[in-house]
């Protein structure tokens, strides 16, 4: 399972770099500066949580079941939080009004927070460190 978590973290990290480059170069001529800044927020949170998955997948003191829980929380959180931010910041470029589903942004944020809370809880349970 560690391999899957590490791969997920690496893929999400690579996508964050790609999306960040797109936001910095391709998007700046298509949307207003505030929308670019919003897009960059989604990229930052995606990268932070990609790094979290790399940390979780690469350690030996967290159980596999906890690692899986954190991975699912992070992936769902990134899809809902960062994904909705990407949509909202590029709303003027699409036929779909992403403001209609803007309520999923805080749900995604809550899932990301939950992933950190699970990690904190498991750290408090550690006996040998």
Protein backbone atom coordinates (compact mmCIF):
# COMPACT_ATOMS: atom_id res chain seq x y z
CA UNK A 1 0.00 0.00 0.00
CA UNK A 2 2.90 2.36 0.66
CA UNK A 3 3.79 2.22 -3.03
CA UNK A 4 0.27 3.31 -4.00
CA UNK A 5 0.33 6.19 -1.53
CA UNK A 6 3.76 7.30 -2.75
CA UNK A 7 2.60 7.11 -6.38
CA UNK A 8 -0.54 9.12 -5.54
CA UNK A 9 1.58 11.76 -3.79
CA UNK A 10 4.03 11.96 -6.68
CA UNK A 11 1.25 12.18 -9.31
CA UNK A 12 -0.58 14.88 -7.35
CA UNK A 13 2.71 16.76 -6.92
CA UNK A 14 3.53 16.57 -10.62
CA UNK A 15 0.02 17.75 -11.49
CA UNK A 16 0.43 20.65 -9.07
CA UNK A 17 3.60 21.73 -10.87
CA UNK A 18 1.87 21.44 -14.27
CA UNK A 19 -1.18 23.35 -13.07
CA UNK A 20 1.02 25.95 -11.39
CA UNK A 21 2.89 26.54 -14.64
CA UNK A 22 -0.41 26.79 -16.50
CA UNK A 23 -1.72 29.27 -13.93
CA UNK A 24 1.40 31.40 -14.07
CA UNK A 25 1.82 31.44 -17.83
CA UNK A 26 -1.27 30.29 -19.71
CA UNK A 27 -3.98 31.64 -17.50
CA UNK A 28 -2.69 35.16 -16.89
CA UNK A 29 -3.89 36.38 -20.30
CA UNK A 30 -7.29 34.70 -20.02
CA UNK A 31 -8.63 35.73 -16.62
CA UNK A 32 -8.19 38.63 -14.21
CA UNK A 33 -5.25 38.71 -11.74
CA UNK A 34 -7.51 37.86 -8.78
CA UNK A 35 -8.62 34.66 -10.54
CA UNK A 36 -4.99 33.72 -11.17
CA UNK A 37 -4.26 34.25 -7.47
CA UNK A 38 -7.24 32.07 -6.56
CA UNK A 39 -6.04 29.37 -8.96
CA UNK A 40 -2.61 29.48 -7.30
CA UNK A 41 -4.27 28.84 -3.93
CA UNK A 42 -5.67 25.58 -5.26
CA UNK A 43 -2.23 24.62 -6.57
CA UNK A 44 -0.55 25.37 -3.23
CA UNK A 45 -2.98 23.24 -1.26
CA UNK A 46 -2.66 20.43 -3.76
CA UNK A 47 1.12 20.50 -3.44
CA UNK A 48 1.04 20.67 0.36
CA UNK A 49 -1.12 17.58 0.47
CA UNK A 50 0.90 15.74 -2.18
CA UNK A 51 3.87 16.22 0.14
CA UNK A 52 1.77 14.95 3.04
CA UNK A 53 1.07 11.75 1.11
CA UNK A 54 4.77 11.32 0.39
CA UNK A 55 5.48 11.69 4.11
CA UNK A 56 2.71 9.29 5.12
CA UNK A 57 3.63 6.68 2.51
CA UNK A 58 7.31 6.84 3.37
CA UNK A 59 7.17 6.34 7.12
CA UNK A 60 7.05 3.18 9.18
CA UNK A 61 5.32 4.31 12.36
CA UNK A 62 1.79 4.75 11.00
CA UNK A 63 -0.36 1.69 10.37
CA UNK A 64 -1.43 0.79 6.86
CA UNK A 65 -5.09 1.32 7.70
CA UNK A 66 -4.33 4.85 8.91
CA UNK A 67 -2.28 5.53 5.80
CA UNK A 68 -5.17 4.42 3.59
CA UNK A 69 -7.62 6.60 5.52
CA UNK A 70 -5.35 9.63 5.15
CA UNK A 71 -4.81 8.93 1.45
CA UNK A 72 -8.55 8.79 0.73
CA UNK A 73 -9.21 11.93 2.76
CA UNK A 74 -6.44 13.79 0.93
CA UNK A 75 -7.47 12.66 -2.55
CA UNK A 76 -11.14 13.47 -1.96
CA UNK A 77 -10.15 16.76 -0.33
CA UNK A 78 -7.94 17.79 -3.23
CA UNK A 79 -10.61 16.90 -5.77
CA UNK A 80 -13.28 18.88 -3.93
CA UNK A 81 -11.18 21.76 -2.60
CA UNK A 82 -8.53 22.38 -5.24
CA UNK A 83 -10.72 21.11 -8.05
CA UNK A 84 -13.54 23.48 -7.20
CA UNK A 85 -11.07 26.36 -6.85
CA UNK A 86 -9.70 25.57 -10.30
CA UNK A 87 -13.24 25.64 -11.66
CA UNK A 88 -14.25 28.81 -9.83
CA UNK A 89 -11.14 30.70 -10.89
CA UNK A 90 -11.63 29.76 -14.55
CA UNK A 91 -15.41 30.12 -14.45
CA UNK A 92 -15.41 32.82 -17.13
CA UNK A 93 -13.77 30.40 -19.59
CA UNK A 94 -16.44 27.68 -19.46
CA UNK A 95 -20.11 27.21 -20.21
CA UNK A 96 -20.66 25.69 -16.76
CA UNK A 97 -21.20 28.01 -13.80
CA UNK A 98 -18.92 26.60 -11.10
CA UNK A 99 -20.47 28.95 -8.55
CA UNK A 100 -23.40 26.50 -8.45
CA UNK A 101 -21.14 23.89 -6.89
CA UNK A 102 -19.00 26.29 -4.84
CA UNK A 103 -20.39 24.70 -1.67
CA UNK A 104 -18.05 21.72 -2.22
CA UNK A 105 -14.96 23.86 -1.58
CA UNK A 106 -15.38 23.92 2.21
CA UNK A 107 -16.31 20.22 2.20
CA UNK A 108 -12.98 19.51 0.50
CA UNK A 109 -11.23 21.76 2.99
CA UNK A 110 -12.83 19.86 5.85
CA UNK A 111 -11.58 16.56 4.39
CA UNK A 112 -8.06 17.96 4.17
CA UNK A 113 -8.27 19.13 7.77
CA UNK A 114 -9.58 15.69 8.76
CA UNK A 115 -6.53 14.04 7.17
CA UNK A 116 -4.26 16.15 9.38
CA UNK A 117 -6.42 15.43 12.45
CA UNK A 118 -6.15 11.68 11.83
CA UNK A 119 -2.37 12.07 11.64
CA UNK A 120 -2.25 14.14 14.84
CA UNK A 121 -4.43 11.60 16.66
CA UNK A 122 -2.18 8.74 15.56
CA UNK A 123 0.92 10.68 16.64
CA UNK A 124 -0.56 11.00 20.14
CA UNK A 125 -1.08 7.22 20.16
CA UNK A 126 2.58 6.49 19.41
CA UNK A 127 4.43 4.84 22.27
CA UNK A 128 7.95 4.24 20.92
CA UNK A 129 9.00 7.70 19.71
